[in-house]
Protein backbone atom coordinates (compact mmCIF):
# COMPACT_ATOMS: atom_id res chain seq x y z
CA MET A 1 88.01 7.50 -15.72
CA LYS A 2 86.69 5.76 -12.26
CA TYR A 3 85.52 9.28 -11.04
CA MET A 4 83.57 9.96 -14.19
CA LYS A 5 81.62 6.73 -13.47
CA THR A 6 81.02 7.44 -9.76
CA VAL A 7 79.71 10.84 -10.96
CA ARG A 8 77.41 9.50 -13.51
CA ARG A 9 76.27 6.87 -10.73
CA GLN A 10 75.73 9.52 -8.34
CA ARG A 11 73.86 11.88 -10.48
CA GLY A 12 71.82 8.90 -11.92
CA VAL A 13 70.93 7.96 -8.49
CA ALA A 14 69.87 11.76 -7.59
CA VAL A 15 67.73 11.75 -10.74
CA ILE A 16 65.88 8.79 -9.76
CA THR A 17 65.74 10.18 -6.01
CA ALA A 18 64.21 13.36 -7.09
CA LEU A 19 61.60 11.38 -9.63
CA LEU A 20 60.82 9.25 -6.78
CA LEU A 21 60.01 12.43 -4.13
CA THR A 22 58.13 13.67 -6.88
CA THR A 23 56.21 10.63 -7.28
CA LEU A 24 55.55 10.66 -3.61
CA ALA A 25 54.67 14.32 -3.48
CA ILE A 26 52.11 14.06 -6.38
CA THR A 27 50.64 11.00 -4.64
CA ILE A 28 50.19 12.62 -1.29
CA VAL A 29 48.71 15.62 -2.76
CA ALA A 30 46.32 13.51 -4.89
CA SER A 31 45.29 11.70 -1.81
CA LEU A 32 44.36 15.10 -0.17
CA PHE A 33 42.41 16.04 -3.03
CA TRP A 34 40.75 12.66 -3.12
CA ALA A 35 39.84 12.59 0.47
CA GLN A 36 38.74 16.05 0.09
CA GLN A 37 36.30 15.17 -2.45
CA VAL A 38 34.99 12.22 -0.78
CA GLN A 39 34.20 14.64 2.28
CA VAL A 40 32.72 17.16 -0.08
CA ARG A 41 30.28 14.43 -1.50
CA SER A 42 29.67 12.77 1.86
CA MET A 43 28.71 16.27 3.09
CA GLU A 44 26.37 16.59 -0.31
CA ASN A 45 24.78 13.22 0.71
CA GLN A 46 23.78 14.36 4.43
CA ARG A 47 22.56 17.41 2.66
CA LEU A 48 20.29 15.80 0.14
CA HIS A 49 19.20 13.25 2.84
CA LEU A 50 17.99 15.76 5.04
CA GLN A 51 16.36 17.65 2.54
CA THR A 52 14.36 14.47 1.17
CA LYS A 53 13.30 14.28 4.96
CA TRP A 54 11.79 17.82 4.76
CA ILE A 55 10.00 17.39 1.48
CA LEU A 56 8.64 13.91 3.15
CA ARG A 57 7.39 16.30 6.16
CA GLY A 58 5.90 18.48 4.06
CA ALA A 59 4.09 15.77 1.95
CA LEU A 60 2.59 14.35 5.30
CA ASP A 61 1.66 18.11 6.12
CA TRP A 62 -0.32 18.46 2.74
CA ALA A 63 -1.70 14.89 3.49
CA GLY A 64 -3.17 15.98 6.86
CA LEU A 65 -4.32 19.21 5.49
CA VAL A 66 -6.34 17.07 3.06
CA LEU A 67 -7.92 14.57 5.28
CA ARG A 68 -8.83 17.63 7.68
CA GLN A 69 -10.58 19.17 5.12
CA ASP A 70 -12.32 16.22 3.69
CA GLY A 71 -13.44 15.34 7.03
CA ARG A 72 -15.08 18.71 7.73
CA ASP A 73 -16.81 18.71 4.01
CA ASN A 74 -18.02 15.04 3.98
CA THR A 75 -20.06 12.54 6.41
CA TYR A 76 -18.80 9.41 4.67
CA THR A 77 -15.57 8.54 3.09
CA SER A 78 -15.52 7.21 -0.42
CA LEU A 79 -12.95 6.78 -3.42
CA ASP A 80 -14.42 9.52 -5.36
CA GLN A 81 -13.58 12.11 -2.85
CA VAL A 82 -10.38 14.38 -3.22
CA TRP A 83 -8.05 12.45 -0.83
CA ALA A 84 -8.16 9.38 -2.92
CA THR A 85 -7.00 11.11 -5.80
CA PRO A 86 -3.27 10.42 -6.22
CA LEU A 87 -0.34 12.73 -6.65
CA ALA A 88 1.60 12.32 -9.94
CA GLU A 89 5.53 12.83 -9.84
CA THR A 90 5.76 16.46 -9.67
CA ARG A 91 8.80 18.44 -10.22
CA LEU A 92 10.06 20.22 -7.14
CA ASP A 93 13.29 21.84 -8.73
CA GLN A 94 12.20 25.34 -8.31
CA TYR A 95 11.45 24.91 -4.48
CA ILE A 96 15.09 23.18 -3.48
CA GLU A 97 17.77 25.65 -2.57
CA ARG A 98 20.99 24.39 -4.02
CA GLU A 99 23.97 25.58 -5.59
CA ARG A 100 23.65 24.82 -9.44
CA VAL A 101 26.47 23.72 -11.55
CA GLU A 102 26.41 24.68 -15.33
CA GLY A 103 25.01 22.04 -17.10
CA GLU A 104 23.97 19.85 -14.53
CA VAL A 105 20.61 18.09 -14.80
CA PHE A 106 19.00 18.36 -11.26
CA ASP A 107 15.99 16.37 -10.52
CA ALA A 108 13.65 16.96 -7.43
CA THR A 109 10.33 15.14 -7.78
CA LEU A 110 7.21 14.18 -5.50
CA SER A 111 4.78 11.58 -5.66
CA GLY A 112 2.29 9.71 -3.54
CA SER A 113 -1.07 8.54 -2.60
CA ILE A 114 -3.46 8.02 0.39
CA ILE A 115 -4.91 5.08 1.05
CA ASP A 116 -8.20 4.20 3.38
CA ALA A 117 -6.25 1.82 5.94
CA THR A 118 -9.62 0.57 7.14
CA ALA A 119 -10.56 -0.47 3.63
CA ARG A 120 -8.66 -3.82 4.80
CA TYR A 121 -9.26 -6.13 7.65
CA ASN A 122 -7.96 -5.19 11.00
CA LEU A 123 -6.17 -8.15 12.90
CA LEU A 124 -6.55 -6.53 16.12
CA ASN A 125 -10.08 -7.19 15.84
CA LEU A 126 -9.56 -10.84 16.49
CA ALA A 127 -9.07 -10.37 20.10
CA LYS A 128 -9.45 -8.05 22.83
CA ASN A 129 -8.29 -8.30 26.65
CA ARG A 130 -7.01 -12.02 26.09
CA ILE A 131 -10.47 -12.97 24.68
CA ARG A 132 -10.89 -14.05 21.26
CA ASP A 133 -13.86 -13.12 19.48
CA PRO A 134 -15.35 -16.31 17.37
CA VAL A 135 -17.34 -13.99 15.38
CA GLN A 136 -14.24 -12.14 14.05
CA VAL A 137 -12.16 -15.49 13.71
CA ALA A 138 -15.08 -16.27 11.48
CA VAL A 139 -14.53 -13.27 9.35
CA PHE A 140 -10.83 -13.82 8.86
CA GLN A 141 -11.75 -17.27 7.74
CA ARG A 142 -14.05 -16.19 5.24
CA LEU A 143 -11.11 -13.81 3.85
CA LEU A 144 -8.67 -16.17 4.06
CA THR A 145 -10.79 -18.55 2.05
CA ASN A 146 -11.33 -15.83 -0.50
CA LEU A 147 -7.65 -15.30 -0.97
CA ARG A 148 -7.16 -19.13 -1.41
CA LEU A 149 -5.38 -19.31 1.80
CA ASP A 150 -5.54 -21.83 4.39
CA PRO A 151 -8.59 -20.79 6.86
CA ALA A 152 -6.84 -22.57 9.93
CA LEU A 153 -4.56 -19.39 9.99
CA ALA A 154 -7.26 -17.37 11.76
CA GLU A 155 -7.57 -19.55 14.84
CA LYS A 156 -3.68 -19.44 15.42
CA THR A 157 -3.59 -15.66 14.70
CA ALA A 158 -6.43 -14.86 17.04
CA THR A 159 -4.76 -17.47 19.81
CA ALA A 160 -1.62 -15.84 19.34
CA ILE A 161 -2.68 -12.09 19.59
CA ALA A 162 -4.65 -13.11 22.55
CA SER A 163 -1.97 -14.62 24.28
CA ALA A 164 0.05 -11.68 23.94
CA GLN A 165 -2.36 -8.95 25.44
CA GLN A 166 -2.71 -7.72 28.72
CA LEU A 167 -5.91 -7.35 30.89
CA LEU A 168 -6.72 -3.58 31.27
CA PRO A 169 -6.77 -2.69 34.81
CA SER A 170 -10.37 -1.29 34.24
CA ALA A 171 -11.70 -4.20 32.39
CA GLU A 172 -14.71 -5.75 34.26
CA PRO A 173 -14.91 -9.46 34.60
CA PRO A 174 -17.03 -11.35 31.73
CA SER A 175 -20.76 -11.62 32.07
CA ALA A 176 -22.28 -15.16 32.15
CA GLY A 177 -22.40 -16.66 28.29
CA ALA A 178 -19.68 -13.94 27.34
CA LEU A 179 -16.43 -14.92 25.47
CA LYS A 180 -14.12 -16.92 27.64
CA PRO A 181 -10.09 -16.12 27.90
CA VAL A 182 -8.10 -17.97 25.86
CA PRO A 183 -5.65 -20.25 27.83
CA VAL A 184 -1.96 -19.66 26.79
CA GLN A 185 -0.93 -22.86 24.62
CA SER A 186 2.65 -24.04 24.34
CA ASN A 187 1.98 -24.10 20.48
CA ALA A 188 1.19 -20.67 20.18
CA ALA A 189 3.63 -18.29 20.99
CA PRO A 190 2.20 -14.64 21.97
CA VAL A 191 2.95 -12.22 19.11
CA ARG A 192 3.18 -8.50 19.52
CA LEU A 193 1.62 -7.37 16.47
CA ILE A 194 2.76 -4.01 15.13
CA GLN A 195 3.48 -4.52 11.74
CA LEU A 196 1.84 -7.34 9.30
CA ASP A 197 5.44 -9.11 8.91
CA ASP A 198 5.16 -10.02 12.87
CA LEU A 199 2.94 -12.57 11.82
CA LEU A 200 6.01 -14.50 10.67
CA ALA A 201 6.34 -15.53 14.31
CA VAL A 202 2.70 -17.23 14.14
CA PRO A 203 3.45 -21.15 12.55
CA GLY A 204 2.06 -21.51 9.01
CA TYR A 205 2.63 -17.89 7.59
CA THR A 206 5.24 -17.52 5.14
CA VAL A 207 6.41 -14.32 3.21
CA ALA A 208 4.39 -15.79 0.39
CA VAL A 209 1.46 -15.72 2.57
CA LEU A 210 1.93 -12.23 4.17
CA ASP A 211 2.55 -10.98 -0.17
CA LYS A 212 -0.67 -12.34 -0.72
CA LEU A 213 -2.82 -10.60 2.68
CA ARG A 214 -0.63 -7.38 2.36
CA GLU A 215 -3.35 -5.44 0.14
CA PHE A 216 -6.18 -7.08 2.43
CA VAL A 217 -5.03 -7.10 6.19
CA ILE A 218 -3.53 -4.42 8.31
CA VAL A 219 -2.58 -3.81 11.91
CA LEU A 220 -4.05 -0.80 13.47
CA PRO A 221 -3.65 0.75 17.01
CA GLU A 222 -7.23 -0.12 18.12
CA THR A 223 -10.16 -2.39 16.75
CA THR A 224 -11.83 -0.67 13.87
CA PRO A 225 -14.62 -1.52 11.50
CA VAL A 226 -14.35 -1.99 7.69
CA ASN A 227 -15.25 0.95 5.49
CA VAL A 228 -17.95 -0.88 2.62
CA ASN A 229 -16.96 2.44 0.49
CA THR A 230 -13.49 1.48 -0.07
CA ALA A 231 -12.94 -2.10 0.81
CA PRO A 232 -12.03 -4.74 -2.03
CA PRO A 233 -14.40 -7.10 -2.78
CA GLU A 234 -12.67 -10.22 -0.76
CA VAL A 235 -12.93 -7.98 2.44
CA LEU A 236 -16.69 -7.20 1.57
CA ALA A 237 -17.64 -10.92 1.13
CA ALA A 238 -15.84 -11.58 4.24
CA VAL A 239 -17.84 -9.21 6.70
CA ILE A 240 -21.59 -10.16 5.26
CA ASP A 241 -22.69 -13.70 6.12
CA ASN A 242 -23.05 -16.06 3.58
CA PHE A 243 -22.35 -13.69 0.97
CA SER A 244 -20.18 -14.89 -2.34
CA LEU A 245 -17.13 -13.01 -3.95
CA ALA A 246 -19.32 -12.30 -7.00
CA GLU A 247 -21.80 -10.85 -5.12
CA ALA A 248 -19.24 -8.58 -3.66
CA HIS A 249 -17.96 -7.56 -6.87
CA SER A 250 -21.69 -6.75 -7.82
CA LEU A 251 -21.33 -4.53 -4.73
CA VAL A 252 -18.21 -2.78 -5.66
CA ALA A 253 -19.50 -1.75 -9.42
CA ARG A 254 -22.46 -0.53 -7.85
CA ARG A 255 -21.03 1.62 -5.34
CA LYS A 256 -19.07 3.53 -8.07
CA SER A 257 -21.86 5.62 -8.93
CA ALA A 258 -23.39 6.04 -5.43
CA PRO A 259 -21.23 5.36 -2.54
CA TRP A 260 -23.46 4.41 0.70
CA ARG A 261 -24.05 7.23 3.11
CA ASP A 262 -24.84 5.19 6.24
CA PRO A 263 -24.62 1.41 7.04
CA LEU A 264 -28.37 1.10 7.18
CA GLN A 265 -28.27 2.17 3.43
CA PHE A 266 -25.44 -0.22 2.70
CA GLY A 267 -27.69 -3.35 4.13
CA THR A 268 -30.66 -2.82 2.02
CA GLU A 269 -28.72 -3.91 -1.29
CA LEU A 270 -27.56 -7.16 0.29
CA ASN A 271 -30.41 -9.29 -0.86
CA GLY A 272 -31.50 -10.29 2.56
CA LYS A 273 -27.99 -11.22 3.75
CA THR A 274 -27.01 -9.62 6.91
CA VAL A 275 -23.61 -8.20 8.01
CA VAL A 276 -21.56 -9.14 10.75
CA LYS A 277 -22.37 -6.98 14.02
CA ASP A 278 -20.20 -3.61 14.38
CA ALA A 279 -18.06 -4.90 11.47
CA VAL A 280 -18.76 -2.17 8.89
CA SER A 281 -18.85 1.58 8.77
CA VAL A 282 -18.69 4.09 5.84
CA VAL A 283 -16.44 6.79 7.97
CA SER A 284 -12.84 6.13 7.90
CA ASN A 285 -10.00 7.57 10.41
CA TYR A 286 -7.10 6.00 9.65
CA PHE A 287 -5.14 6.37 6.40
CA LEU A 288 -1.68 5.36 4.89
CA VAL A 289 0.19 7.90 3.05
CA ARG A 290 2.85 6.64 0.51
CA SER A 291 5.41 8.88 -1.00
CA ARG A 292 8.25 8.67 -2.94
CA VAL A 293 10.89 11.37 -2.91
CA ARG A 294 13.67 11.74 -5.75
CA LEU A 295 16.49 14.42 -5.10
CA ASP A 296 19.27 14.22 -7.63
CA ARG A 297 20.91 10.66 -6.80
CA ALA A 298 18.90 10.11 -3.65
CA ALA A 299 15.66 8.70 -3.28
CA LEU A 300 13.19 7.97 -0.33
CA ASP A 301 10.25 5.90 -0.20
CA ALA A 302 8.03 5.95 3.02
CA GLU A 303 4.73 4.63 4.34
CA ALA A 304 2.86 6.61 7.03
CA LEU A 305 -0.31 5.96 9.26
CA ILE A 306 -2.34 9.22 10.07
CA ASN A 307 -5.23 8.93 12.44
CA ARG A 308 -8.06 11.68 11.61
CA GLY A 309 -9.90 12.48 14.78
CA THR A 310 -13.30 12.44 15.37
CA ASP A 311 -13.63 15.79 16.55
CA SER A 312 -15.46 18.62 14.82
CA ARG A 313 -11.84 19.86 13.82
CA LYS A 314 -10.70 16.28 12.46
CA VAL A 315 -7.51 17.16 13.82
CA THR A 316 -5.07 14.36 12.13
CA THR A 317 -2.14 12.71 14.05
CA LEU A 318 0.84 11.04 12.68
CA VAL A 319 0.83 7.34 14.25
CA TRP A 320 4.26 6.28 12.29
CA VAL A 321 6.28 6.65 9.48
CA ARG A 322 8.41 3.61 7.86
CA GLN A 323 11.27 4.51 5.42
CA ASN A 324 13.00 2.45 2.69
């Protein structure tokens, strides 16, 4: 009797052991399959990311081609030209090489637009060679006033930028009556301005202020005039002495039917008001290219700055690309 009980107990232990071993084997196999699936998904994500990069590169090449051709065809830059036409969301499915799964919905789209960067006020105009430009400071003050922001930020910004600049080796000493170098003040930390968000280092700037400035102000690699054919009313009113925002809105409405072909023509429509010296132009050399690439579950938003050269070929150069 005891022998039978022992045999049954041993059989029970054997069954339980077999079940445990089977469960362990299934768990190990499932883990291997899961690890393999994760690795495959990771490789797919890397491929999608790489493909979005190539699509973005193609989009920037396309934008450069459009800008080069526009520069050769036109002697001025305005919003009624081809470059200003946004690219609506366009399907690229047939151009993307990818193994398709039956019944799978695979989306590949590209959309974007080109924006005139010189339609905005360039903050580097505020100072050059550690010297503040009071005329440009006054322009920025008027722009801040038009946007209902504190105009005192203009002086702080100009001082911070001037303090961070280095004298060029070839710079000539200022002549009598020229602008004086700005002394570095303890309460004005030098700011190496590369992008608009760097202004947060200047006292008085907040995220809310930058959000309000973002469509009207920019940082470009060199000083640039404002293009009156593309600038918003707030910027136009800032570069014209004693010019109201209402008058600037009238100018914007007028240019829709007839863009200005040279600064002299623009000056004839100001009712006797004068433009700040060297502050305006009708030709643009810097453009922002905004792109959005969607590829299956991957998405890439990017903004790039392109410089269109002043040579006869209008060669374009990619200055920087910022991706989100």
